[in-house]
């Protein structure tokens, strides 16, 4: 058995791993909150969010709070399934190597 074959390459990035972890336990999170939680730059976060959105793992919600734009993100069913699969693969890999 190959202990790494079921790991999801999209979650190899620590930033994408962090985004998915945050979204698994929060219904919706704003761009600024994600940026603060993960301590990353606007451009870096935007790039990783775009990758997750392109793969249908997260949903983007654009709206307004007063006159200011407010962008929030939530996890999709596909994203939740993929992330749970990745976590299960990590657990299996840990058990396999003990």
Protein backbone atom coordinates (compact mmCIF):
# COMPACT_ATOMS: atom_id res chain seq x y z
CA UNK A 1 0.00 0.00 0.00
CA UNK A 2 1.24 3.48 -0.89
CA UNK A 3 0.63 5.65 2.21
CA UNK A 4 0.46 8.91 0.22
CA UNK A 5 -1.66 7.92 -2.78
CA UNK A 6 -4.94 9.25 -1.37
CA UNK A 7 -3.59 12.65 -0.27
CA UNK A 8 -5.13 15.54 -2.20
CA UNK A 9 -2.45 17.65 -3.94
CA UNK A 10 -4.60 20.77 -3.65
CA UNK A 11 -4.20 20.67 0.11
CA UNK A 12 -0.39 20.46 0.06
CA UNK A 13 -0.24 24.23 0.42
CA UNK A 14 -0.34 25.31 4.06
CA UNK A 15 -2.52 28.27 3.11
CA UNK A 16 -5.14 26.15 1.32
CA UNK A 17 -5.00 23.67 4.21
CA UNK A 18 -5.60 26.57 6.59
CA UNK A 19 -8.48 27.99 4.53
CA UNK A 20 -10.21 24.62 4.39
CA UNK A 21 -9.68 24.03 8.13
CA UNK A 22 -11.23 27.40 8.97
CA UNK A 23 -14.17 26.87 6.62
CA UNK A 24 -14.88 23.37 7.95
CA UNK A 25 -15.80 24.84 11.34
CA UNK A 26 -17.33 28.17 10.26
CA UNK A 27 -20.38 28.59 8.06
CA UNK A 28 -18.96 31.66 6.34
CA UNK A 29 -15.75 33.68 6.77
CA UNK A 30 -14.81 37.06 5.30
CA UNK A 31 -11.68 37.66 3.25
CA UNK A 32 -10.27 39.98 5.93
CA UNK A 33 -10.91 37.46 8.70
CA UNK A 34 -9.20 34.69 6.71
CA UNK A 35 -6.28 37.01 5.99
CA UNK A 36 -5.91 37.83 9.69
CA UNK A 37 -6.33 34.22 10.88
CA UNK A 38 -3.77 32.86 8.43
CA UNK A 39 -1.44 35.88 8.57
CA UNK A 40 -1.00 36.13 4.78
CA UNK A 41 -0.97 38.94 2.22
CA UNK A 42 -4.00 39.90 0.11
CA UNK A 43 -2.44 38.63 -3.12
CA UNK A 44 -1.26 35.35 -1.64
CA UNK A 45 -4.66 34.60 -0.07
CA UNK A 46 -6.56 35.65 -3.21
CA UNK A 47 -4.46 33.29 -5.33
CA UNK A 48 -5.14 30.30 -3.07
CA UNK A 49 -8.84 31.12 -2.74
CA UNK A 50 -9.08 31.27 -6.52
CA UNK A 51 -7.55 27.80 -6.81
CA UNK A 52 -10.04 26.38 -4.30
CA UNK A 53 -12.92 28.14 -6.06
CA UNK A 54 -11.80 26.87 -9.49
CA UNK A 55 -11.96 23.33 -8.09
CA UNK A 56 -15.46 23.95 -6.63
CA UNK A 57 -14.23 23.41 -3.05
CA UNK A 58 -15.37 26.83 -1.85
CA UNK A 59 -18.12 29.30 -2.74
CA UNK A 60 -17.64 33.07 -2.95
CA UNK A 61 -20.37 35.42 -1.74
CA UNK A 62 -20.03 39.08 -2.69
CA UNK A 63 -22.17 41.65 -0.98
CA UNK A 64 -22.14 44.97 0.80
CA UNK A 65 -22.01 46.05 4.41
CA UNK A 66 -23.20 49.62 4.19
CA UNK A 67 -21.27 51.01 1.25
CA UNK A 68 -18.28 48.71 1.63
CA UNK A 69 -17.94 45.52 -0.37
CA UNK A 70 -17.88 42.38 1.74
CA UNK A 71 -16.60 39.11 0.29
CA UNK A 72 -17.18 35.94 2.28
CA UNK A 73 -16.35 32.32 1.61
CA UNK A 74 -17.98 29.04 2.51
CA UNK A 75 -17.12 25.41 1.87
CA UNK A 76 -19.08 23.41 -0.72
CA UNK A 77 -20.28 19.82 -0.30
CA UNK A 78 -17.55 18.74 -2.74
CA UNK A 79 -14.97 20.69 -0.75
CA UNK A 80 -16.09 19.15 2.51
CA UNK A 81 -15.94 15.66 1.02
CA UNK A 82 -12.50 16.23 -0.50
CA UNK A 83 -11.10 17.69 2.71
CA UNK A 84 -12.49 14.88 4.87
CA UNK A 85 -10.94 12.42 2.42
CA UNK A 86 -7.60 14.19 2.72
CA UNK A 87 -7.77 14.10 6.53
CA UNK A 88 -8.65 10.39 6.43
CA UNK A 89 -5.66 9.78 4.14
CA UNK A 90 -3.39 11.64 6.58
CA UNK A 91 -4.67 9.52 9.47
CA UNK A 92 -4.17 6.33 7.45
CA UNK A 93 -0.65 7.41 6.55
CA UNK A 94 0.18 8.05 10.22
CA UNK A 95 -1.18 4.65 11.26
CA UNK A 96 0.64 2.95 8.38
CA UNK A 97 4.01 4.40 9.37
CA UNK A 98 3.82 3.60 13.10
